[in-house]
Protein backbone atom coordinates (compact mmCIF):
# COMPACT_ATOMS: atom_id res chain seq x y z
CA MET A 1 -7.10 -16.68 -6.07
CA GLY A 2 -7.03 -13.11 -7.39
CA LEU A 3 -4.96 -10.15 -6.26
CA THR A 4 -4.98 -8.77 -2.71
CA ASP A 5 -4.63 -4.99 -2.43
CA LEU A 6 -3.51 -3.81 1.01
CA HIS A 7 -3.64 -0.06 0.35
CA SER A 8 -6.64 1.89 -0.93
CA HIS A 9 -8.76 4.92 -0.11
CA VAL A 10 -12.27 3.79 -0.96
CA ILE A 11 -14.33 4.59 2.16
CA PRO A 12 -16.50 7.54 1.07
CA GLY A 13 -16.02 10.95 2.61
CA VAL A 14 -13.33 10.23 5.20
CA ASP A 15 -10.08 11.35 3.53
CA ASP A 16 -8.67 12.40 0.14
CA GLY A 17 -9.95 9.26 -1.58
CA ALA A 18 -13.55 8.53 -2.59
CA GLN A 19 -15.82 11.44 -1.74
CA SER A 20 -19.24 9.86 -2.33
CA VAL A 21 -21.02 6.53 -2.46
CA GLU A 22 -20.95 6.72 -6.25
CA GLN A 23 -17.18 7.33 -6.37
CA ALA A 24 -16.56 4.55 -3.87
CA ARG A 25 -18.67 2.11 -5.88
CA ALA A 26 -16.85 3.05 -9.09
CA ALA A 27 -13.52 2.61 -7.29
CA LEU A 28 -14.40 -0.89 -6.11
CA GLY A 29 -15.53 -1.73 -9.63
CA ALA A 30 -12.21 -0.52 -11.02
CA LEU A 31 -10.29 -2.61 -8.49
CA LYS A 32 -12.33 -5.69 -9.36
CA ASP A 33 -11.75 -5.09 -13.08
CA ALA A 34 -8.01 -4.95 -12.34
CA GLY A 35 -8.13 -8.50 -10.99
CA VAL A 36 -8.40 -7.66 -7.28
CA SER A 37 -10.42 -10.14 -5.23
CA THR A 38 -9.62 -8.71 -1.77
CA VAL A 39 -9.06 -5.05 -0.99
CA VAL A 40 -8.26 -3.40 2.32
CA ALA A 41 -9.72 0.07 2.85
CA THR A 42 -6.97 2.14 4.50
CA PRO A 43 -8.06 5.73 5.27
CA HIS A 44 -5.49 8.15 6.68
CA VAL A 45 -5.10 8.33 10.46
CA GLN A 46 -2.46 10.34 12.30
CA ALA A 47 -0.52 8.29 14.83
CA SER A 48 -0.34 11.26 17.19
CA LEU A 49 -4.08 10.82 17.82
CA THR A 50 -3.27 7.62 19.71
CA GLY A 51 -1.83 9.80 22.48
CA SER A 52 -5.27 11.31 23.08
CA PRO A 53 -8.03 8.75 23.67
CA ALA A 54 -10.81 11.26 23.00
CA ALA A 55 -9.27 12.52 19.76
CA LEU A 56 -8.58 8.99 18.55
CA GLU A 57 -12.08 7.82 19.31
CA ALA A 58 -13.54 10.83 17.48
CA ARG A 59 -11.53 10.00 14.36
CA LEU A 60 -12.34 6.30 14.57
CA ALA A 61 -16.03 7.13 15.00
CA GLU A 62 -15.85 8.98 11.66
CA LEU A 63 -14.25 5.95 10.08
CA ASP A 64 -16.81 3.63 11.69
CA ALA A 65 -19.60 5.61 10.05
CA GLY A 66 -17.82 5.57 6.69
CA TRP A 67 -17.20 1.84 6.98
CA ARG A 68 -20.89 1.20 7.63
CA THR A 69 -21.75 3.22 4.54
CA LEU A 70 -19.25 1.22 2.51
CA ALA A 71 -20.61 -2.09 3.78
CA GLU A 72 -24.29 -1.21 3.47
CA GLU A 73 -24.50 1.09 0.43
CA VAL A 74 -21.34 0.72 -1.64
CA LEU A 75 -20.33 -2.92 -1.56
CA PRO A 76 -23.56 -4.90 -2.09
CA PRO A 77 -23.82 -4.22 -5.86
CA VAL A 78 -20.13 -5.10 -6.39
CA GLU A 79 -20.15 -8.90 -6.43
CA GLY A 80 -17.06 -11.03 -6.10
CA LEU A 81 -14.96 -8.53 -4.15
CA ALA A 82 -14.11 -8.89 -0.46
CA VAL A 83 -13.36 -5.66 1.42
CA ARG A 84 -11.48 -5.63 4.71
CA ARG A 85 -10.87 -2.74 7.05
CA GLY A 86 -7.57 -1.10 7.95
CA ALA A 87 -5.88 2.30 8.06
CA GLU A 88 -2.83 4.09 6.72
CA VAL A 89 -1.21 5.38 9.88
CA GLU A 90 0.91 8.51 9.51
CA LEU A 91 3.92 8.22 11.81
CA ASP A 92 3.87 11.81 13.10
CA THR A 93 4.96 10.62 16.55
CA PRO A 94 7.87 8.35 17.49
CA ASP A 95 5.70 6.30 19.86
CA PRO A 96 2.50 5.25 18.08
CA ASP A 97 -0.02 2.99 19.80
CA VAL A 98 -1.77 0.79 17.26
CA SER A 99 -3.40 -1.56 19.75
CA ASP A 100 -6.88 -0.66 18.47
CA GLY A 101 -7.63 -3.27 15.81
CA ARG A 102 -9.28 -0.69 13.58
CA LEU A 103 -5.83 0.75 12.89
CA ARG A 104 -4.42 -2.52 11.57
CA LEU A 105 -4.88 -4.47 8.36
CA GLY A 106 -7.96 -6.60 8.85
CA GLY A 107 -7.45 -6.27 12.61
CA GLY A 108 -4.40 -8.56 12.40
CA PRO A 109 -0.82 -7.86 13.47
CA ALA A 110 0.20 -5.88 10.37
CA VAL A 111 -0.20 -2.11 10.25
CA LEU A 112 0.19 0.03 7.13
CA VAL A 113 2.30 3.08 7.96
CA GLU A 114 3.70 6.10 6.17
CA PHE A 115 6.04 8.95 7.03
CA PRO A 116 4.52 12.47 7.20
CA TYR A 117 4.87 14.99 4.38
CA MET A 118 6.38 12.33 2.08
CA THR A 119 9.73 12.92 3.80
CA VAL A 120 11.97 10.54 5.72
CA PRO A 121 12.35 11.79 9.32
CA PRO A 122 15.59 11.37 11.29
CA ASN A 123 16.06 7.89 12.77
CA SER A 124 13.07 6.66 10.80
CA GLN A 125 14.03 3.04 11.36
CA ASP A 126 13.65 3.44 15.13
CA VAL A 127 9.87 3.96 15.07
CA LEU A 128 9.53 0.90 12.83
CA ALA A 129 11.64 -1.13 15.24
CA ARG A 130 9.48 0.01 18.17
CA LEU A 131 6.34 -1.13 16.38
CA ARG A 132 7.96 -4.49 15.73
CA ALA A 133 9.07 -4.80 19.35
CA ALA A 134 5.47 -4.13 20.43
CA GLY A 135 4.36 -7.17 18.44
CA TRP A 136 3.15 -5.47 15.25
CA THR A 137 4.39 -5.81 11.68
CA PRO A 138 4.92 -2.37 10.11
CA VAL A 139 4.10 -2.35 6.40
CA LEU A 140 5.81 0.75 5.06
CA ALA A 141 3.77 2.33 2.28
CA HIS A 142 5.46 3.56 -0.92
CA PRO A 143 9.12 3.69 0.24
CA GLU A 144 10.08 4.72 -3.29
CA ARG A 145 8.20 8.02 -3.06
CA TYR A 146 9.81 9.70 -0.04
CA GLU A 147 12.07 12.71 -0.33
CA GLY A 148 15.37 12.23 1.45
CA VAL A 149 15.93 8.66 0.30
CA ASP A 150 19.59 8.47 -0.71
CA SER A 151 20.52 7.19 -4.15
CA ALA A 152 22.08 4.04 -2.66
CA LEU A 153 18.81 3.27 -0.80
CA ALA A 154 20.76 2.50 2.38
CA ILE A 155 17.79 3.67 4.43
CA ALA A 156 15.60 1.02 2.79
CA ARG A 157 18.00 -1.63 4.05
CA ALA A 158 17.72 -0.10 7.54
CA TRP A 159 13.90 -0.23 7.35
CA ARG A 160 14.01 -3.90 6.45
CA GLU A 161 16.52 -4.65 9.19
CA ALA A 162 14.17 -2.90 11.65
CA GLY A 163 11.51 -5.46 10.72
CA ALA A 164 9.43 -3.48 8.25
CA VAL A 165 7.71 -4.94 5.21
CA LEU A 166 8.12 -2.73 2.13
CA GLN A 167 5.03 -2.04 -0.02
CA VAL A 168 5.73 -0.36 -3.36
CA ASN A 169 2.96 1.37 -5.30
CA ALA A 170 2.17 -0.41 -8.55
CA GLY A 171 2.05 2.88 -10.43
CA SER A 172 5.54 3.91 -9.36
CA LEU A 173 7.38 1.49 -11.64
CA LEU A 174 5.12 2.56 -14.49
CA GLY A 175 6.06 6.23 -14.13
CA ARG A 176 2.87 7.38 -12.36
CA TYR A 177 4.84 9.34 -9.73
CA GLY A 178 7.73 10.57 -11.83
CA GLU A 179 11.13 9.34 -12.87
CA GLU A 180 12.78 9.39 -9.45
CA ALA A 181 10.08 7.22 -7.88
CA ARG A 182 10.25 4.89 -10.90
CA ARG A 183 14.02 4.55 -10.54
CA ARG A 184 13.83 3.84 -6.82
CA ALA A 185 11.05 1.28 -7.32
CA ALA A 186 13.10 -0.46 -10.01
CA THR A 187 16.18 -0.52 -7.78
CA LEU A 188 14.21 -1.97 -4.85
CA LEU A 189 12.85 -4.70 -7.12
CA GLU A 190 16.27 -5.45 -8.53
CA ARG A 191 17.64 -5.88 -5.01
CA GLY A 192 14.79 -8.12 -3.89
CA TRP A 193 13.71 -5.64 -1.23
CA VAL A 194 10.03 -5.31 -2.22
CA ASP A 195 7.66 -7.54 -0.25
CA CYS A 196 4.38 -6.57 -1.90
CA VAL A 197 2.77 -4.08 -4.25
CA ALA A 198 -0.51 -2.22 -3.82
CA SER A 199 -2.63 0.27 -5.69
CA ASP A 200 -2.81 3.18 -3.21
CA TYR A 201 -5.99 3.86 -5.16
CA HIS A 202 -7.72 7.16 -4.43
CA ALA A 203 -10.86 6.51 -6.48
CA ARG A 204 -9.59 8.27 -9.59
CA GLY A 205 -7.41 7.39 -12.54
CA ARG A 206 -6.11 3.90 -13.17
CA VAL A 207 -5.55 1.14 -10.63
CA HIS A 208 -2.23 0.03 -12.27
CA LEU A 209 -2.06 -3.38 -10.62
CA ALA A 210 -3.00 -5.31 -13.76
CA GLU A 211 -0.52 -3.28 -15.81
CA LEU A 212 2.26 -3.98 -13.34
CA VAL A 213 1.58 -7.72 -13.32
CA ALA A 214 1.60 -7.73 -17.13
CA PHE A 215 4.80 -5.71 -17.19
CA LEU A 216 6.57 -8.11 -14.82
CA ASP A 217 5.34 -11.05 -16.88
CA GLU A 218 6.93 -9.45 -19.94
CA GLN A 219 10.15 -9.05 -17.97
CA GLY A 220 10.26 -12.77 -17.25
CA ALA A 221 9.26 -12.25 -13.62
CA ALA A 222 5.85 -13.94 -13.51
CA GLU A 223 6.64 -15.72 -10.24
CA GLN A 224 7.76 -12.50 -8.58
CA ALA A 225 4.58 -10.81 -9.81
CA ARG A 226 2.50 -13.56 -8.25
CA LEU A 227 4.28 -13.19 -4.91
CA LEU A 228 4.15 -9.39 -4.91
CA ALA A 229 0.51 -8.91 -5.92
CA GLU A 230 -1.21 -12.11 -4.84
CA VAL A 231 0.59 -14.35 -2.36
CA ASN A 232 2.42 -11.97 -0.04
CA PRO A 233 -0.38 -9.41 0.43
CA ALA A 234 -2.72 -12.24 1.36
CA ARG A 235 -0.16 -13.65 3.80
CA ILE A 236 0.41 -10.26 5.41
CA LEU A 237 -3.33 -9.74 5.80
CA GLU A 238 -3.61 -13.09 7.57
CA GLY A 239 -0.70 -12.35 9.91
CA GLU A 240 1.87 -14.49 8.12
CA PRO A 241 5.34 -13.30 7.04
CA PRO A 242 5.82 -12.56 3.35
CA ILE A 243 7.77 -15.01 1.24
CA PRO A 244 11.11 -13.55 0.08
CA VAL A 245 10.88 -12.26 -3.49
CA ALA A 246 13.79 -12.97 -5.76
CA PRO A 247 15.44 -9.95 -7.38
CA VAL A 248 13.76 -8.87 -10.61
CA ARG A 249 16.33 -8.44 -13.36
CA LEU A 250 14.71 -5.72 -15.45
CA ARG A 251 15.55 -5.72 -19.12
CA ARG A 252 16.07 -2.05 -19.82
CA ALA A 253 14.90 -2.02 -23.44
CA GLY A 254 11.69 -3.78 -22.51
CA LEU A 255 11.28 -1.52 -19.51
CA TRP A 256 11.38 1.72 -21.47
CA ALA A 257 9.17 0.40 -24.25
CA ARG A 258 6.58 -0.81 -21.76
CA VAL A 259 6.64 2.39 -19.72
CA ALA A 260 6.27 4.48 -22.87
CA ARG A 261 3.22 2.47 -23.97
CA LEU A 262 1.61 2.75 -20.56
CA ALA A 263 2.34 6.47 -20.36
CA ARG A 264 0.52 6.95 -23.67
CA ALA A 265 -2.39 4.84 -22.47
CA MET A 266 -2.76 6.89 -19.28
CA ARG A 267 -3.11 10.20 -21.07
């Protein structure tokens, strides 16, 4: 079946991800080498643009052009990899309109969202609840990376209760984003609050998905790894709810040894 990656920045020249056809092609090759069979290209789009039809259409026209380049010039030489279209919508307004299918994952009911400036805004769960009430499934990108997340992760519970799906970055648990993000990611896994993992790949460095799957296998969590990286992302992309993932009981000695080895490998 292969892995499904719901979060990547591989459309050339449209955001802070791939900047050229060559970088985009290398990025898709790296994703394929990491075991990904389906990837969703999710360039950044500000939700506030949905309040201005002209501004939104201008941004989407840029993404349309980039998508055509990806489909016509980047993807053909990369065999065995399916690429779907989506966006990473920055929730810089409390009332986003994601009715345009180009803003959603594969045009389905799920929409990848993030909070602006990597900070949790007040009443953050309310905007997620409004999206859910409008008929969409908010997939909250990298909840472990936001500033303002309390140590007890009570806000993560509120996000889930609002109807959000939580997508943790594969690199977070491996120390890619620092110790605090690693700790939060581990806690979310241990509580069974992670619905899927993704690469958030920006066409540079390592993809990390294969390393995370191997790490979870070592931790005795092969079934959770399969759900997080393979089954649930595919279900979300097809408009189906994710299957609950059992808590991952991380063995601390194995965790630190594995993270140390991966940290050395990433240098």
